[in-house]
Protein backbone atom coordinates (compact mmCIF):
# COMPACT_ATOMS: atom_id res chain seq x y z
CA UNK A 1 8.26 -39.95 -23.62
CA UNK A 2 7.66 -37.91 -26.75
CA UNK A 3 8.98 -38.95 -30.15
CA UNK A 4 11.18 -36.29 -31.70
CA UNK A 5 12.15 -35.75 -35.28
CA UNK A 6 15.39 -33.89 -34.93
CA UNK A 7 17.28 -31.75 -37.41
CA UNK A 8 20.30 -30.26 -35.65
CA UNK A 9 22.89 -27.91 -37.02
CA UNK A 10 26.07 -28.80 -35.16
CA UNK A 11 29.00 -26.44 -34.69
CA UNK A 12 29.43 -24.57 -37.96
CA UNK A 13 32.37 -22.56 -39.15
CA UNK A 14 31.49 -18.95 -39.84
CA UNK A 15 32.11 -19.43 -43.56
CA UNK A 16 29.59 -22.27 -43.89
CA UNK A 17 25.86 -22.18 -44.40
CA UNK A 18 24.09 -24.13 -41.66
CA UNK A 19 23.04 -27.35 -43.36
CA UNK A 20 22.77 -29.93 -40.59
CA UNK A 21 22.47 -33.68 -40.50
CA UNK A 22 18.84 -34.78 -40.05
CA UNK A 23 18.32 -37.46 -37.44
CA UNK A 24 15.07 -39.20 -36.62
CA UNK A 25 13.78 -41.61 -34.02
CA UNK A 26 13.14 -41.70 -30.28
CA UNK A 27 15.69 -39.85 -28.14
CA UNK A 28 15.96 -38.93 -24.46
CA UNK A 29 17.95 -36.04 -23.07
CA UNK A 30 21.36 -37.29 -22.00
CA UNK A 31 22.92 -35.72 -18.89
CA UNK A 32 25.76 -33.42 -19.93
CA UNK A 33 24.78 -33.43 -23.62
CA UNK A 34 25.36 -30.25 -25.62
CA UNK A 35 24.41 -28.77 -28.97
CA UNK A 36 26.32 -25.81 -30.37
CA UNK A 37 25.48 -23.58 -33.33
CA UNK A 38 27.13 -20.66 -35.10
CA UNK A 39 27.37 -19.14 -38.55
CA UNK A 40 24.26 -18.98 -40.73
CA UNK A 41 21.38 -21.11 -39.50
CA UNK A 42 18.04 -21.32 -41.31
CA UNK A 43 14.98 -23.12 -39.95
CA UNK A 44 11.98 -23.40 -42.27
CA UNK A 45 9.99 -26.22 -40.67
CA UNK A 46 10.17 -28.05 -37.34
CA UNK A 47 13.46 -28.20 -35.47
CA UNK A 48 13.79 -29.87 -32.06
CA UNK A 49 16.69 -29.68 -29.62
CA UNK A 50 16.80 -31.96 -26.58
CA UNK A 51 20.41 -31.53 -25.46
CA UNK A 52 20.86 -30.57 -21.82
CA UNK A 53 22.76 -27.44 -22.86
CA UNK A 54 22.20 -25.44 -26.03
CA UNK A 55 24.72 -22.83 -27.17
CA UNK A 56 23.85 -20.31 -29.90
CA UNK A 57 27.12 -18.76 -30.95
CA UNK A 58 27.80 -15.78 -33.21
CA UNK A 59 25.75 -15.89 -36.39
CA UNK A 60 22.51 -15.17 -38.20
CA UNK A 61 19.58 -17.39 -37.18
CA UNK A 62 16.59 -17.14 -39.50
CA UNK A 63 13.65 -18.94 -37.91
CA UNK A 64 10.73 -19.16 -40.32
CA UNK A 65 9.59 -22.48 -38.89
CA UNK A 66 9.26 -23.69 -35.30
CA UNK A 67 12.26 -24.37 -33.07
CA UNK A 68 11.31 -26.48 -30.05
CA UNK A 69 13.89 -26.29 -27.27
CA UNK A 70 13.85 -28.78 -24.37
CA UNK A 71 17.30 -27.82 -23.08
CA UNK A 72 17.87 -27.00 -19.44
CA UNK A 73 20.59 -24.44 -20.22
CA UNK A 74 20.39 -22.04 -23.16
CA UNK A 75 23.21 -19.58 -23.91
CA UNK A 76 22.90 -16.91 -26.64
CA UNK A 77 25.98 -15.06 -27.85
CA UNK A 78 25.64 -11.27 -27.48
CA UNK A 79 26.36 -10.83 -31.21
CA UNK A 80 23.90 -13.47 -32.43
CA UNK A 81 20.97 -12.25 -34.54
CA UNK A 82 17.69 -14.16 -34.25
CA UNK A 83 14.97 -13.20 -36.70
CA UNK A 84 12.16 -14.71 -38.72
CA UNK A 85 8.44 -15.29 -39.11
CA UNK A 86 8.40 -18.47 -37.00
CA UNK A 87 8.79 -19.01 -33.28
CA UNK A 88 10.97 -20.38 -30.51
CA UNK A 89 9.21 -22.58 -27.95
CA UNK A 90 10.85 -23.42 -24.62
CA UNK A 91 9.72 -26.63 -22.86
CA UNK A 92 10.59 -28.38 -19.61
CA UNK A 93 13.50 -30.82 -20.13
CA UNK A 94 11.37 -33.46 -18.42
CA UNK A 95 9.22 -33.63 -21.55
CA UNK A 96 12.30 -34.86 -23.43
CA UNK A 97 13.26 -37.47 -20.85
CA UNK A 98 15.55 -35.22 -18.84
CA UNK A 99 15.31 -34.11 -15.24
CA UNK A 100 12.50 -31.64 -14.54
CA UNK A 101 13.96 -28.14 -14.48
CA UNK A 102 13.32 -24.50 -15.26
CA UNK A 103 14.79 -23.22 -18.50
CA UNK A 104 18.00 -21.45 -17.49
CA UNK A 105 18.57 -18.81 -20.17
CA UNK A 106 21.41 -16.36 -20.69
CA UNK A 107 20.53 -13.65 -23.23
CA UNK A 108 23.85 -11.84 -22.62
CA UNK A 109 22.14 -8.47 -23.27
CA UNK A 110 22.53 -9.22 -26.96
CA UNK A 111 20.48 -8.18 -29.96
CA UNK A 112 16.71 -7.99 -29.71
CA UNK A 113 15.24 -11.38 -30.65
CA UNK A 114 13.12 -10.47 -33.69
CA UNK A 115 11.18 -13.73 -33.59
CA UNK A 116 8.13 -14.83 -31.61
CA UNK A 117 8.82 -16.68 -28.36
CA UNK A 118 6.56 -19.04 -26.38
CA UNK A 119 7.53 -19.84 -22.78
CA UNK A 120 5.94 -23.27 -22.24
CA UNK A 121 7.83 -24.55 -19.19
CA UNK A 122 5.61 -24.85 -16.11
CA UNK A 123 8.72 -24.64 -13.93
CA UNK A 124 9.51 -21.19 -15.33
CA UNK A 125 12.33 -19.56 -17.22
CA UNK A 126 15.16 -18.19 -15.08
CA UNK A 127 17.51 -15.56 -16.52
CA UNK A 128 20.90 -16.94 -15.52
CA UNK A 129 24.50 -15.98 -16.24
CA UNK A 130 25.96 -19.05 -18.00
CA UNK A 131 29.70 -19.29 -18.80
CA UNK A 132 30.75 -18.69 -22.40
CA UNK A 133 31.38 -22.12 -23.97
CA UNK A 134 34.46 -20.82 -25.79
CA UNK A 135 33.41 -18.16 -28.29
CA UNK A 136 35.34 -15.44 -26.45
CA UNK A 137 32.36 -13.11 -26.08
CA UNK A 138 32.54 -10.09 -23.81
CA UNK A 139 30.18 -10.85 -20.94
CA UNK A 140 28.27 -7.85 -19.54
CA UNK A 141 27.89 -7.43 -15.80
CA UNK A 142 25.20 -6.60 -13.28
CA UNK A 143 21.61 -6.61 -14.50
CA UNK A 144 22.85 -7.00 -18.08
CA UNK A 145 24.77 -10.23 -17.42
CA UNK A 146 21.93 -12.45 -18.60
CA UNK A 147 19.52 -9.79 -19.88
CA UNK A 148 17.02 -11.06 -22.44
CA UNK A 149 15.84 -8.65 -25.15
CA UNK A 150 12.55 -9.26 -26.97
CA UNK A 151 11.75 -7.73 -30.36
CA UNK A 152 8.43 -9.42 -31.20
CA UNK A 153 5.79 -11.31 -29.20
CA UNK A 154 6.64 -13.07 -25.95
CA UNK A 155 3.86 -15.41 -24.84
CA UNK A 156 3.57 -16.94 -21.38
CA UNK A 157 1.81 -20.22 -22.17
CA UNK A 158 1.76 -23.68 -20.63
CA UNK A 159 1.07 -27.26 -21.66
CA UNK A 160 1.24 -26.84 -25.43
CA UNK A 161 -0.60 -23.56 -25.45
CA UNK A 162 -3.34 -24.34 -22.93
CA UNK A 163 -3.79 -21.36 -20.64
CA UNK A 164 -5.51 -23.09 -17.72
CA UNK A 165 -2.34 -24.15 -15.89
CA UNK A 166 -0.41 -22.36 -13.15
CA UNK A 167 3.30 -21.64 -13.43
CA UNK A 168 5.38 -20.70 -16.42
CA UNK A 169 6.83 -17.48 -15.02
CA UNK A 170 9.91 -15.59 -16.12
CA UNK A 171 12.25 -15.10 -13.14
CA UNK A 172 14.50 -12.04 -13.46
CA UNK A 173 17.04 -13.35 -10.96
CA UNK A 174 18.74 -9.93 -10.87
CA UNK A 175 18.70 -9.47 -14.67
CA UNK A 176 16.80 -7.21 -17.05
CA UNK A 177 13.98 -8.44 -19.31
CA UNK A 178 13.79 -5.88 -22.13
CA UNK A 179 11.11 -5.18 -24.76
CA UNK A 180 11.66 -2.89 -27.73
CA UNK A 181 9.02 -0.51 -29.10
CA UNK A 182 7.33 -3.23 -31.20
CA UNK A 183 7.53 -6.06 -28.68
CA UNK A 184 4.54 -7.39 -26.75
CA UNK A 185 3.89 -9.77 -23.87
CA UNK A 186 0.77 -11.93 -23.55
CA UNK A 187 -0.50 -14.74 -21.35
CA UNK A 188 0.12 -12.97 -18.03
CA UNK A 189 -2.24 -13.36 -15.09
CA UNK A 190 -2.03 -13.84 -11.29
CA UNK A 191 -0.61 -17.36 -11.70
CA UNK A 192 1.82 -16.50 -14.51
CA UNK A 193 3.90 -13.35 -14.56
CA UNK A 194 7.43 -11.89 -14.33
CA UNK A 195 9.05 -12.63 -10.97
CA UNK A 196 11.30 -9.91 -9.57
CA UNK A 197 12.62 -12.11 -6.73
CA UNK A 198 11.66 -9.27 -4.34
CA UNK A 199 14.64 -7.32 -5.68
CA UNK A 200 15.37 -4.32 -7.86
CA UNK A 201 18.67 -5.71 -9.10
CA UNK A 202 16.83 -6.50 -12.34
CA UNK A 203 13.85 -4.86 -14.02
CA UNK A 204 11.31 -5.43 -16.71
CA UNK A 205 12.12 -2.77 -19.31
CA UNK A 206 10.04 -1.33 -22.16
CA UNK A 207 10.97 1.06 -24.96
CA UNK A 208 8.12 3.27 -26.21
CA UNK A 209 7.72 4.55 -29.76
CA UNK A 210 6.66 7.94 -31.09
CA UNK A 211 2.91 7.42 -30.61
CA UNK A 212 1.15 7.08 -27.28
CA UNK A 213 0.61 3.48 -26.23
CA UNK A 214 0.09 1.41 -23.09
CA UNK A 215 2.24 -1.51 -21.95
CA UNK A 216 1.64 -3.81 -19.00
CA UNK A 217 4.55 -4.91 -16.83
CA UNK A 218 3.10 -8.09 -15.19
CA UNK A 219 5.46 -8.09 -12.22
CA UNK A 220 5.31 -9.82 -8.84
CA UNK A 221 7.43 -12.10 -6.70
CA UNK A 222 7.25 -15.61 -5.36
CA UNK A 223 5.16 -15.09 -2.25
CA UNK A 224 1.53 -14.79 -1.22
CA UNK A 225 -0.40 -12.00 -2.95
CA UNK A 226 2.37 -11.75 -5.51
CA UNK A 227 0.77 -10.36 -8.66
CA UNK A 228 1.19 -6.58 -8.58
CA UNK A 229 1.38 -5.37 -12.20
CA UNK A 230 1.99 -1.89 -13.59
CA UNK A 231 0.74 -0.33 -16.81
CA UNK A 232 2.53 2.67 -18.30
CA UNK A 233 1.05 4.86 -21.01
CA UNK A 234 3.57 7.08 -22.78
CA UNK A 235 4.59 8.31 -26.22
CA UNK A 236 8.34 8.16 -25.73
CA UNK A 237 11.08 6.94 -23.44
CA UNK A 238 12.36 3.72 -21.93
CA UNK A 239 10.86 2.65 -18.60
CA UNK A 240 12.15 0.22 -15.96
CA UNK A 241 9.78 -1.51 -13.49
CA UNK A 242 10.26 -3.86 -10.55
CA UNK A 243 8.43 -4.51 -7.28
CA UNK A 244 9.40 -5.40 -3.70
CA UNK A 245 7.81 -5.52 -0.28
CA UNK A 246 8.52 -2.77 2.23
CA UNK A 247 11.12 -4.82 4.09
CA UNK A 248 13.28 -5.29 0.99
CA UNK A 249 12.80 -1.79 -0.39
CA UNK A 250 15.45 0.90 0.03
CA UNK A 251 12.74 3.51 0.61
CA UNK A 252 11.50 4.20 4.13
CA UNK A 253 7.79 3.45 4.53
CA UNK A 254 7.87 3.72 8.33
CA UNK A 255 5.99 7.01 8.22
CA UNK A 256 3.04 5.42 6.41
CA UNK A 257 0.62 4.11 9.02
CA UNK A 258 -1.51 2.39 6.41
CA UNK A 259 -1.12 1.31 2.80
CA UNK A 260 -0.06 -1.67 0.70
CA UNK A 261 3.01 -3.72 1.57
CA UNK A 262 4.43 -3.27 -1.92
CA UNK A 263 6.89 -0.71 -3.26
CA UNK A 264 7.27 -0.39 -7.01
CA UNK A 265 10.58 0.84 -8.44
CA UNK A 266 9.81 2.81 -11.61
CA UNK A 267 12.17 5.06 -13.54
CA UNK A 268 13.00 6.06 -17.12
CA UNK A 269 16.24 6.60 -19.01
CA UNK A 270 15.41 10.33 -18.96
CA UNK A 271 12.63 12.28 -17.20
CA UNK A 272 9.45 11.43 -19.13
CA UNK A 273 5.77 12.27 -18.77
CA UNK A 274 3.59 9.17 -18.36
CA UNK A 275 0.41 7.81 -16.84
CA UNK A 276 1.09 4.97 -14.42
CA UNK A 277 -1.58 2.45 -13.40
CA UNK A 278 -0.57 0.36 -10.39
CA UNK A 279 -2.52 -2.74 -9.38
CA UNK A 280 -2.13 -4.43 -6.01
CA UNK A 281 -3.48 -7.58 -4.43
CA UNK A 282 -5.78 -6.61 -1.56
CA UNK A 283 -4.01 -9.15 0.64
CA UNK A 284 -1.09 -6.72 0.86
CA UNK A 285 -3.14 -4.01 2.61
CA UNK A 286 -2.20 -3.12 6.19
CA UNK A 287 -3.28 -0.75 8.95
CA UNK A 288 -6.63 0.90 8.32
CA UNK A 289 -6.03 1.03 4.56
CA UNK A 290 -8.98 -0.05 2.44
CA UNK A 291 -8.91 0.12 -1.35
CA UNK A 292 -12.59 1.07 -1.37
CA UNK A 293 -11.78 4.22 0.60
CA UNK A 294 -10.07 7.18 -1.09
CA UNK A 295 -6.32 6.65 -1.38
CA UNK A 296 -3.53 7.56 -3.75
CA UNK A 297 -0.24 6.56 -5.33
CA UNK A 298 2.63 8.24 -3.54
CA UNK A 299 6.33 8.66 -4.30
CA UNK A 300 9.18 8.74 -1.81
CA UNK A 301 10.74 12.15 -1.12
CA UNK A 302 13.57 10.89 1.06
CA UNK A 303 13.79 10.24 4.82
CA UNK A 304 10.25 9.30 5.95
CA UNK A 305 8.54 11.78 3.64
CA UNK A 306 6.16 10.81 0.83
CA UNK A 307 4.16 12.79 -1.72
CA UNK A 308 0.51 13.64 -1.25
CA UNK A 309 -1.60 13.15 -4.39
CA UNK A 310 -5.30 13.27 -5.28
CA UNK A 311 -7.28 10.56 -3.50
CA UNK A 312 -9.93 8.32 -4.99
CA UNK A 313 -11.31 4.83 -4.42
CA UNK A 314 -9.62 1.91 -6.15
CA UNK A 315 -10.89 0.58 -9.48
CA UNK A 316 -11.12 -3.15 -10.31
CA UNK A 317 -7.77 -4.61 -11.36
CA UNK A 318 -7.87 -5.24 -15.11
CA UNK A 319 -4.15 -5.70 -15.83
CA UNK A 320 -4.40 -9.32 -16.94
CA UNK A 321 -4.89 -11.38 -20.09
CA UNK A 322 -6.88 -13.85 -18.01
CA UNK A 323 -10.40 -13.39 -16.59
CA UNK A 324 -10.92 -9.73 -15.82
CA UNK A 325 -11.11 -8.05 -13.42
CA UNK A 326 -8.57 -9.95 -11.36
CA UNK A 327 -10.16 -11.12 -8.07
CA UNK A 328 -8.97 -9.34 -4.91
CA UNK A 329 -7.18 -6.59 -6.80
CA UNK A 330 -7.34 -2.81 -6.92
CA UNK A 331 -6.06 -0.26 -9.44
CA UNK A 332 -5.10 3.42 -9.09
CA UNK A 333 -3.57 5.85 -11.59
CA UNK A 334 -1.07 8.69 -11.43
CA UNK A 335 0.01 11.02 -14.23
CA UNK A 336 3.45 12.36 -13.49
CA UNK A 337 6.95 12.95 -14.78
CA UNK A 338 8.82 9.69 -14.23
CA UNK A 339 12.32 10.45 -12.99
CA UNK A 340 15.34 9.59 -15.10
CA UNK A 341 17.47 7.92 -12.43
CA UNK A 342 17.25 4.61 -10.58
CA UNK A 343 18.67 6.28 -7.45
CA UNK A 344 16.22 9.19 -7.30
CA UNK A 345 13.94 8.78 -4.24
CA UNK A 346 10.98 9.63 -6.48
CA UNK A 347 11.53 6.34 -8.35
CA UNK A 348 9.89 4.51 -5.41
CA UNK A 349 6.09 4.24 -5.54
CA UNK A 350 3.53 2.80 -3.15
CA UNK A 351 -0.12 3.33 -2.23
CA UNK A 352 -1.36 4.89 0.97
CA UNK A 353 -3.90 7.06 2.66
CA UNK A 354 -2.75 9.46 5.30
CA UNK A 355 -4.01 12.70 6.74
CA UNK A 356 -1.78 15.68 6.16
CA UNK A 357 -1.97 19.07 7.84
CA UNK A 358 -4.34 21.69 6.50
CA UNK A 359 -3.44 25.30 7.26
CA UNK A 360 -5.82 28.26 7.31
CA UNK A 361 -4.74 31.90 7.79
CA UNK A 362 -6.97 34.28 9.73
CA UNK A 363 -5.90 37.93 9.47
CA UNK A 364 -6.87 40.71 11.88
CA UNK A 365 -6.17 44.32 10.81
CA UNK A 366 -6.91 46.83 13.57
CA UNK A 367 -8.41 49.34 13.82
CA UNK A 368 -10.74 48.63 10.92
CA UNK A 369 -11.68 52.30 10.59
CA UNK A 370 -8.95 54.93 10.66
CA UNK A 371 -8.82 58.71 10.66
CA UNK A 372 -5.64 60.52 9.71
CA UNK A 373 -2.29 58.91 10.50
CA UNK A 374 -2.99 56.18 13.03
CA UNK A 375 -1.07 53.35 14.75
CA UNK A 376 -1.98 50.14 13.01
CA UNK A 377 -1.49 46.40 13.63
CA UNK A 378 -1.81 43.18 11.66
CA UNK A 379 -2.02 39.78 13.36
CA UNK A 380 -2.17 36.47 11.47
CA UNK A 381 -3.20 33.20 13.11
CA UNK A 382 -1.97 30.15 11.17
CA UNK A 383 -4.51 27.48 12.20
CA UNK A 384 -4.17 23.71 11.67
CA UNK A 385 -7.53 22.13 10.74
CA UNK A 386 -6.85 18.41 10.17
CA UNK A 387 -5.60 17.48 13.65
CA UNK A 388 -2.18 16.66 12.18
CA UNK A 389 0.94 18.53 13.30
CA UNK A 390 2.91 20.34 10.60
CA UNK A 391 6.45 19.48 9.57
CA UNK A 392 8.95 21.63 7.71
CA UNK A 393 8.93 25.22 6.55
CA UNK A 394 5.83 27.43 6.72
CA UNK A 395 5.81 30.60 4.60
CA UNK A 396 3.24 33.40 4.89
CA UNK A 397 3.14 36.50 2.70
CA UNK A 398 1.47 39.80 3.73
CA UNK A 399 0.67 42.33 1.00
CA UNK A 400 2.36 45.73 1.11
CA UNK A 401 0.62 49.08 0.54
CA UNK A 402 2.17 52.53 0.10
CA UNK A 403 -0.06 53.95 2.86
CA UNK A 404 1.06 51.39 5.40
CA UNK A 405 4.49 50.91 6.93
CA UNK A 406 4.75 47.76 9.07
CA UNK A 407 7.58 46.57 11.30
CA UNK A 408 8.24 43.31 13.11
CA UNK A 409 9.41 42.90 16.70
CA UNK A 410 10.71 39.38 17.31
CA UNK A 411 10.68 39.90 21.06
CA UNK A 412 7.02 40.70 21.56
CA UNK A 413 4.31 38.25 22.61
CA UNK A 414 1.29 40.51 22.10
CA UNK A 415 0.25 42.70 19.17
CA UNK A 416 -3.04 44.60 18.94
CA UNK A 417 -4.22 42.91 22.10
CA UNK A 418 -3.75 39.43 20.62
CA UNK A 419 -1.26 36.76 21.70
CA UNK A 420 1.53 36.06 19.17
CA UNK A 421 4.68 33.92 18.98
CA UNK A 422 6.94 36.32 17.09
CA UNK A 423 10.05 34.72 18.56
CA UNK A 424 9.68 31.63 16.32
CA UNK A 425 9.10 33.60 13.10
CA UNK A 426 11.61 35.17 10.70
CA UNK A 427 10.73 38.45 8.99
CA UNK A 428 11.84 39.63 5.54
CA UNK A 429 10.77 43.03 4.15
CA UNK A 430 13.01 43.01 1.07
CA UNK A 431 10.31 41.94 -1.39
CA UNK A 432 8.67 45.04 -2.99
CA UNK A 433 5.21 43.45 -2.95
CA UNK A 434 5.05 41.31 0.20
CA UNK A 435 6.30 41.03 3.74
CA UNK A 436 7.48 37.42 4.06
CA UNK A 437 7.23 35.52 7.37
CA UNK A 438 8.74 32.03 7.74
CA UNK A 439 9.04 29.45 10.50
CA UNK A 440 10.02 25.83 10.96
CA UNK A 441 8.20 25.66 14.28
CA UNK A 442 5.54 22.96 14.10
CA UNK A 443 1.92 23.97 14.43
CA UNK A 444 0.52 21.38 16.81
CA UNK A 445 -2.43 19.25 15.71
CA UNK A 446 -5.57 21.39 15.82
CA UNK A 447 -3.63 24.35 17.22
CA UNK A 448 -2.41 27.67 15.84
CA UNK A 449 0.80 29.68 15.54
CA UNK A 450 0.55 33.47 15.33
CA UNK A 451 2.64 36.51 14.48
CA UNK A 452 1.97 40.26 14.56
CA UNK A 453 3.19 43.41 12.83
CA UNK A 454 2.96 47.03 14.05
CA UNK A 455 3.04 50.23 12.05
CA UNK A 456 1.35 53.37 10.86
CA UNK A 457 -1.35 53.96 8.25
CA UNK A 458 -1.17 57.34 6.53
CA UNK A 459 -4.38 57.92 4.53
CA UNK A 460 -4.56 59.54 1.13
CA UNK A 461 -6.16 62.94 0.71
CA UNK A 462 -9.55 61.36 0.05
CA UNK A 463 -11.46 58.64 1.88
CA UNK A 464 -11.14 55.06 0.71
CA UNK A 465 -10.58 51.41 1.51
CA UNK A 466 -7.32 49.50 1.75
CA UNK A 467 -7.14 45.70 1.83
CA UNK A 468 -4.44 43.69 3.59
CA UNK A 469 -4.11 40.05 2.48
CA UNK A 470 -2.28 37.04 3.87
CA UNK A 471 -1.30 34.01 1.79
CA UNK A 472 0.12 30.71 3.08
CA UNK A 473 2.47 29.31 0.46
CA UNK A 474 1.24 25.95 -0.89
CA UNK A 475 2.89 22.94 0.70
CA UNK A 476 3.80 24.83 3.86
CA UNK A 477 4.21 22.53 6.83
CA UNK A 478 3.46 19.49 4.68
CA UNK A 479 -0.09 20.53 3.79
CA UNK A 480 -1.67 19.60 0.45
CA UNK A 481 -4.91 21.60 0.27
CA UNK A 482 -4.39 25.11 -1.08
CA UNK A 483 -7.96 26.30 -1.63
CA UNK A 484 -8.18 27.85 1.85
CA UNK A 485 -4.76 29.51 2.04
CA UNK A 486 -5.86 33.16 1.70
CA UNK A 487 -7.50 35.60 4.10
CA UNK A 488 -7.89 39.36 3.95
CA UNK A 489 -9.19 42.26 5.99
CA UNK A 490 -10.18 45.72 4.82
CA UNK A 491 -9.69 49.07 6.50
CA UNK A 492 -11.85 52.12 5.86
CA UNK A 493 -9.78 55.28 6.09
CA UNK A 494 -10.58 58.98 6.12
CA UNK A 495 -8.28 61.96 5.88
CA UNK A 496 -8.09 64.31 8.82
């Protein structure tokens, strides 16, 4: 058992300055013991508390020394102000002769703690809603009930600062863990991080200042392959991050045949541009997914639909303050506008690789040489190239020309001697520049869907060339590639 030199400030009236009674000797934590503080408390050297429960009531706590806390339960009044050049250190009660236990801490979503904090309990710190001991504070609810707000450095350390030991996590337990613009977190690695409990009831939260900076959210949960951190680079905004597996997540990953069995919940207080780096443990990969093959970060669009983004191979996972890169880890980046709502489907992120349709238009304008006013036809084949059936709306635009008047017959199955499926297309001639054709009929994998227009071409007084173009609108049918969405044909015409 350690020897403690104790200087406690017992319950103080608000009008008194906290001058406590110094006690010294060998003490062990007594079951049910409490220490309560309020008013003005100043710590300039070493202060040690070994009571089972520690209550910090309303008041100003200036910590310019070191406050060692071995208490199992720690409650901080929401109006309490903690500041100073020193530090708070949280230890396992077992080191003070008590029963081994996590540190159960209730920050009550109070003021930002403007003092350095070391978390030195190998059995973790658990954010826990603890009853008010009698100060009459207004207890927040939900994720704010026991929210802890950090204003300086929070250090995940173990065994008196030695970094070689496992454990020492912070467990959200459905509560928020909040860092202001100046706050930092250190000591995180695959065996020491912020546990989300496989839930998005609570989040790790970071406020960003006016200059661009990067902050790592070392999140994971208590399971195999748990360390799945996120780094956000931004110059403004407040960001919320948590992580779950697919089973726990609200989003529907059933349409992803391969990927990582992790879904990150990321949102801001308002829509904000940011670069997001997401690191996963390779043990979470499923299907044919391989981080060394091109893949991407994707966001949920509702139902079973997910975004398609630029693919690349994974980079080594460097989001750690331990040995880097982290073994069996992979990192990918996405620059995007982070949504400003926790309920927006686009707040759900995962990694995947999946083939999407690729559509190519092929336009036939016939006849290609015309003399005087001549019957004229345009047929467009919309061809799927990636052997993946389309889903959703397909939109094709055909350019208009003053010499050409085209009409659409929804009942025909052949135009210009070519087979068409006009019955599944809708025609709109109201745009002054384009004819617009739309359909929700799927183009089967590797197949095509066609339409045709008939009309007359009336040449100008002199010979010339007219070009008819077709454009497939980007994203049609779920496709992502847009570099092959245009085709054109030219007609040589001569006056009579």
